[in-house]
């Protein structure tokens, strides 16, 4: 009597599938790619690629980064990343409960505000109060001096000529408005590269890595939300729906990031941004 359709040795088909590292290695070899070529195209460092192909995820820096590396490597060699991620979760205790994106984005918007006490506003208010008091005192003193008031009223000619002389220097003071891009670049730290992503034309899948190839952020950026990343040397981006993203690099907007639905890989360093 046979029970079900199990194989004779009692093993399920899942027991015969290769390990994650073996599957990635076989797919890479079948695609005719070297480890260095995969590392260059994915921005994942060579030692991490070699470790993952040996099923050693200790260099990834944790399960979250390991999932990101597996996903990027799978796409580079033509494998379905979701099945490998599911296999990784099954072998490593399952995927942790996701954090709702809205509180994350809200926290990011609120975080910078308490960074610095608003001593500047208090000092400005104090200076205005002192200047106002001094001006009021001088004004009251001028009112008490009857002769100076009489002289000002009796001789209208100097007061009429005064506007002509004061109007002359006011002309050159108007022009020079700073270039918006120059002032924007001056407003960000010069010793870092800073990238801000805003989803304006719909949602987009995004991935960001630092100059060491470590995953900073990965996930879906919903319409209307923003993300800001910084690194001392370089930020590498992957945008799943480039046409929906408004991109600022080092305080300057980058035009024509990509078309709707297009996948873009971009890299940016310090200073005035160039196309990645």
Protein backbone atom coordinates (compact mmCIF):
# COMPACT_ATOMS: atom_id res chain seq x y z
CA UNK A 1 0.00 0.00 0.00
CA UNK A 2 1.41 3.41 -0.98
CA UNK A 3 0.75 6.54 1.03
CA UNK A 4 0.73 9.81 -0.95
CA UNK A 5 3.35 10.59 -3.55
CA UNK A 6 6.47 10.79 -1.38
CA UNK A 7 9.69 9.44 -2.93
CA UNK A 8 10.75 5.96 -1.85
CA UNK A 9 13.61 7.23 0.33
CA UNK A 10 11.14 9.45 2.29
CA UNK A 11 12.90 12.73 1.44
CA UNK A 12 10.91 15.72 0.23
CA UNK A 13 11.97 17.53 -3.00
CA UNK A 14 13.19 20.46 -0.90
CA UNK A 15 15.92 18.23 0.58
CA UNK A 16 17.43 17.81 -2.90
CA UNK A 17 17.69 21.52 -3.71
CA UNK A 18 21.20 23.04 -3.53
CA UNK A 19 22.21 25.38 -0.74
CA UNK A 20 21.88 29.13 -1.26
CA UNK A 21 25.61 29.59 -1.84
CA UNK A 22 25.81 26.60 -4.17
CA UNK A 23 22.82 27.84 -6.22
CA UNK A 24 24.37 31.31 -6.59
CA UNK A 25 27.75 29.84 -7.54
CA UNK A 26 26.28 27.49 -10.17
CA UNK A 27 24.20 30.31 -11.68
CA UNK A 28 27.25 32.59 -11.81
CA UNK A 29 29.35 29.95 -13.56
CA UNK A 30 26.50 29.20 -15.98
CA UNK A 31 26.28 32.94 -16.78
CA UNK A 32 30.03 33.02 -17.54
CA UNK A 33 30.79 35.54 -14.78
CA UNK A 34 33.72 35.70 -12.37
CA UNK A 35 33.44 36.60 -8.69
CA UNK A 36 35.17 39.93 -9.40
CA UNK A 37 32.69 40.75 -12.20
CA UNK A 38 29.73 40.01 -9.93
CA UNK A 39 31.31 42.09 -7.16
CA UNK A 40 31.85 45.01 -9.55
CA UNK A 41 28.30 44.96 -10.92
CA UNK A 42 26.57 44.56 -7.53
CA UNK A 43 28.92 46.70 -5.38
CA UNK A 44 29.14 43.75 -2.96
CA UNK A 45 32.76 43.23 -1.90
CA UNK A 46 34.59 40.20 -3.25
CA UNK A 47 35.19 38.53 0.17
CA UNK A 48 31.46 38.75 0.94
CA UNK A 49 30.55 37.22 -2.46
CA UNK A 50 32.99 34.35 -1.88
CA UNK A 51 31.70 33.82 1.67
CA UNK A 52 28.05 33.69 0.55
CA UNK A 53 28.92 31.17 -2.17
CA UNK A 54 30.38 29.02 0.64
CA UNK A 55 27.17 29.55 2.72
CA UNK A 56 29.14 31.71 5.15
CA UNK A 57 27.02 34.78 5.96
CA UNK A 58 29.16 36.00 8.88
CA UNK A 59 30.74 38.80 6.78
CA UNK A 60 27.32 40.26 5.89
CA UNK A 61 26.87 41.98 9.26
CA UNK A 62 23.54 40.36 10.18
CA UNK A 63 20.51 38.65 8.66
CA UNK A 64 19.05 41.88 7.25
CA UNK A 65 22.23 42.62 5.28
CA UNK A 66 22.54 38.97 4.28
CA UNK A 67 19.05 39.08 2.72
CA UNK A 68 19.98 42.22 0.81
CA UNK A 69 23.20 40.68 -0.51
CA UNK A 70 21.41 37.47 -1.54
CA UNK A 71 18.75 39.48 -3.38
CA UNK A 72 21.32 41.59 -5.28
CA UNK A 73 23.54 38.61 -6.16
CA UNK A 74 20.55 36.53 -7.32
CA UNK A 75 19.46 39.25 -9.72
CA UNK A 76 23.00 39.61 -11.04
CA UNK A 77 23.24 35.92 -11.98
CA UNK A 78 19.65 35.53 -13.21
CA UNK A 79 18.03 33.71 -10.27
CA UNK A 80 14.70 34.37 -8.55
CA UNK A 81 15.70 36.23 -5.35
CA UNK A 82 12.45 35.54 -3.50
CA UNK A 83 12.88 31.75 -3.43
CA UNK A 84 16.44 32.13 -2.12
CA UNK A 85 15.30 34.63 0.52
CA UNK A 86 12.54 32.20 1.59
CA UNK A 87 15.14 29.42 1.84
CA UNK A 88 17.41 31.68 3.90
CA UNK A 89 14.53 32.58 6.26
CA UNK A 90 13.63 28.92 6.67
CA UNK A 91 17.23 28.07 7.58
CA UNK A 92 17.79 31.07 9.89
CA UNK A 93 14.68 31.19 12.04
CA UNK A 94 12.34 33.10 9.74
CA UNK A 95 12.00 36.73 8.73
CA UNK A 96 11.63 39.24 11.59
CA UNK A 97 8.35 41.13 11.83
CA UNK A 98 8.60 44.16 9.50
CA UNK A 99 8.44 47.64 10.95
CA UNK A 100 5.71 49.84 9.52
CA UNK A 101 7.29 52.30 7.06
CA UNK A 102 5.26 55.35 8.11
CA UNK A 103 6.72 55.57 11.66
CA UNK A 104 10.23 55.16 10.23
CA UNK A 105 9.78 58.05 7.81
CA UNK A 106 8.04 60.15 10.47
CA UNK A 107 10.89 59.53 12.89
CA UNK A 108 13.37 60.61 10.25
CA UNK A 109 11.57 63.89 9.69
CA UNK A 110 11.32 64.62 13.41
CA UNK A 111 14.83 63.47 14.38
CA UNK A 112 16.91 66.49 13.26
CA UNK A 113 14.75 69.10 15.02
CA UNK A 114 15.83 68.58 18.67
CA UNK A 115 19.47 68.29 17.63
CA UNK A 116 20.34 71.84 18.64
CA UNK A 117 18.75 74.18 21.25
CA UNK A 118 17.30 77.30 19.70
CA UNK A 119 19.79 79.67 21.36
CA UNK A 120 20.06 81.73 18.16
CA UNK A 121 16.43 82.85 18.32
CA UNK A 122 16.83 83.77 22.00
CA UNK A 123 19.97 85.82 21.27
CA UNK A 124 18.31 87.60 18.34
CA UNK A 125 15.32 88.47 20.53
CA UNK A 126 17.61 89.83 23.25
CA UNK A 127 19.61 91.92 20.73
CA UNK A 128 16.39 93.32 19.23
CA UNK A 129 15.16 94.25 22.69
CA UNK A 130 18.44 96.03 23.55
CA UNK A 131 18.54 97.89 20.21
CA UNK A 132 14.91 98.88 20.61
CA UNK A 133 15.54 100.17 24.12
CA UNK A 134 18.58 102.20 23.00
CA UNK A 135 16.67 103.60 20.02
CA UNK A 136 13.72 104.51 22.23
CA UNK A 137 16.06 106.26 24.69
CA UNK A 138 17.74 108.28 21.91
CA UNK A 139 14.35 109.16 20.42
CA UNK A 140 13.09 110.38 23.76
CA UNK A 141 16.29 112.39 24.25
CA UNK A 142 15.83 114.02 20.82
CA UNK A 143 12.26 114.99 21.70
CA UNK A 144 13.50 116.75 24.85
CA UNK A 145 15.95 118.90 22.86
CA UNK A 146 13.75 121.76 21.58
CA UNK A 147 16.50 123.50 19.61
CA UNK A 148 17.36 120.47 17.48
CA UNK A 149 13.70 119.90 16.65
CA UNK A 150 13.31 123.58 15.69
CA UNK A 151 16.37 123.43 13.44
CA UNK A 152 15.05 120.32 11.65
CA UNK A 153 11.66 121.93 11.07
CA UNK A 154 13.01 125.29 10.01
CA UNK A 155 15.42 124.03 7.38
CA UNK A 156 13.63 121.71 4.94
CA UNK A 157 16.41 121.93 2.32
CA UNK A 158 18.87 119.49 3.94
CA UNK A 159 16.07 116.97 4.49
CA UNK A 160 15.00 117.30 0.83
CA UNK A 161 18.56 116.76 -0.45
CA UNK A 162 19.18 113.84 1.90
CA UNK A 163 17.01 111.34 -0.01
CA UNK A 164 18.92 112.16 -3.23
CA UNK A 165 22.24 111.26 -1.62
CA UNK A 166 20.92 108.19 0.21
CA UNK A 167 19.08 106.89 -2.87
CA UNK A 168 22.34 106.63 -4.87
CA UNK A 169 24.05 103.91 -2.78
CA UNK A 170 20.81 101.87 -2.49
CA UNK A 171 20.91 100.96 -6.23
CA UNK A 172 23.94 98.61 -6.30
CA UNK A 173 22.79 96.91 -3.09
CA UNK A 174 19.87 95.09 -4.83
CA UNK A 175 21.42 92.71 -7.43
CA UNK A 176 23.39 89.62 -6.68
CA UNK A 177 21.13 86.76 -5.74
CA UNK A 178 23.05 83.59 -4.93
CA UNK A 179 22.65 80.72 -7.33
CA UNK A 180 20.21 78.21 -5.70
CA UNK A 181 22.47 75.29 -6.51
CA UNK A 182 25.53 77.02 -4.98
CA UNK A 183 23.70 77.89 -1.77
CA UNK A 184 22.21 74.38 -1.56
CA UNK A 185 25.64 72.77 -1.89
CA UNK A 186 27.03 75.16 0.73
CA UNK A 187 24.28 74.05 3.14
CA UNK A 188 25.41 70.40 3.39
CA UNK A 189 28.58 69.05 5.06
CA UNK A 190 31.53 69.33 2.66
CA UNK A 191 33.27 66.27 4.13
CA UNK A 192 30.38 63.88 3.33
CA UNK A 193 28.19 62.80 0.46
CA UNK A 194 24.50 63.34 1.28
CA UNK A 195 21.66 61.86 -0.80
CA UNK A 196 17.95 62.61 -0.36
CA UNK A 197 15.25 60.58 -2.15
CA UNK A 198 11.61 61.68 -2.36
CA UNK A 199 8.90 59.58 -4.03
CA UNK A 200 6.79 62.12 -5.94
CA UNK A 201 5.37 60.25 -8.96
CA UNK A 202 4.38 57.02 -7.19
CA UNK A 203 6.19 54.51 -5.02
CA UNK A 204 9.59 53.00 -5.83
CA UNK A 205 11.77 50.17 -4.57
CA UNK A 206 15.11 51.60 -3.39
CA UNK A 207 18.44 50.24 -2.18
CA UNK A 208 21.36 52.25 -0.75
CA UNK A 209 24.88 51.08 0.13
CA UNK A 210 27.89 52.85 1.64
CA UNK A 211 31.41 52.90 0.14
CA UNK A 212 32.21 49.58 1.88
CA UNK A 213 29.32 47.83 0.14
CA UNK A 214 27.25 47.62 3.31
CA UNK A 215 23.49 47.93 2.86
CA UNK A 216 22.17 51.15 4.43
CA UNK A 217 18.52 50.84 3.40
CA UNK A 218 16.38 48.61 1.21
CA UNK A 219 12.63 48.54 0.68
CA UNK A 220 9.69 50.38 -0.82
CA UNK A 221 9.61 54.19 -0.63
CA UNK A 222 5.94 55.15 -0.70
CA UNK A 223 4.66 58.20 -2.57
CA UNK A 224 5.16 61.40 -0.60
CA UNK A 225 7.85 59.92 1.68
CA UNK A 226 11.55 60.83 1.79
CA UNK A 227 14.79 59.15 2.81
CA UNK A 228 18.19 60.77 3.45
CA UNK A 229 21.52 58.91 3.50
CA UNK A 230 25.09 60.10 4.07
CA UNK A 231 28.56 58.56 3.94
CA UNK A 232 32.12 59.83 4.24
CA UNK A 233 33.03 58.80 0.65
CA UNK A 234 30.32 57.34 -1.60
CA UNK A 235 26.64 56.33 -1.77
CA UNK A 236 25.52 53.64 -4.26
CA UNK A 237 21.82 53.63 -5.20
CA UNK A 238 19.47 51.24 -6.99
CA UNK A 239 16.09 52.78 -7.92
CA UNK A 240 13.37 50.36 -9.03
CA UNK A 241 11.09 53.07 -10.45
CA UNK A 242 13.50 55.91 -11.25
CA UNK A 243 10.87 58.15 -12.84
CA UNK A 244 9.00 58.43 -9.52
CA UNK A 245 12.04 59.67 -7.57
CA UNK A 246 13.08 63.28 -6.97
CA UNK A 247 16.80 63.15 -6.15
CA UNK A 248 18.99 65.66 -4.30
CA UNK A 249 22.75 64.99 -4.00
CA UNK A 250 24.84 67.20 -1.71
CA UNK A 251 21.96 69.67 -1.60
CA UNK A 252 21.58 69.96 -5.39
CA UNK A 253 18.70 68.47 -7.39
CA UNK A 254 19.70 65.89 -10.01
CA UNK A 255 17.56 66.22 -13.12
CA UNK A 256 16.40 63.33 -15.36
CA UNK A 257 17.03 60.54 -12.87
CA UNK A 258 15.21 58.05 -15.12
CA UNK A 259 11.94 57.15 -16.75
CA UNK A 260 8.89 55.64 -15.08
CA UNK A 261 9.39 51.94 -14.35
CA UNK A 262 13.12 52.02 -15.24
CA UNK A 263 15.74 50.52 -12.91
CA UNK A 264 18.71 52.84 -12.35
CA UNK A 265 22.04 52.16 -10.62
CA UNK A 266 23.72 55.40 -9.49
CA UNK A 267 26.82 56.30 -7.47
CA UNK A 268 27.61 59.71 -5.94
CA UNK A 269 30.58 61.20 -4.08
CA UNK A 270 31.29 64.50 -2.31
CA UNK A 271 30.93 67.86 -4.06
CA UNK A 272 28.85 69.00 -7.02
CA UNK A 273 26.97 65.83 -8.19
CA UNK A 274 27.55 64.22 -11.58
CA UNK A 275 25.39 61.51 -13.17
CA UNK A 276 26.19 58.16 -11.45
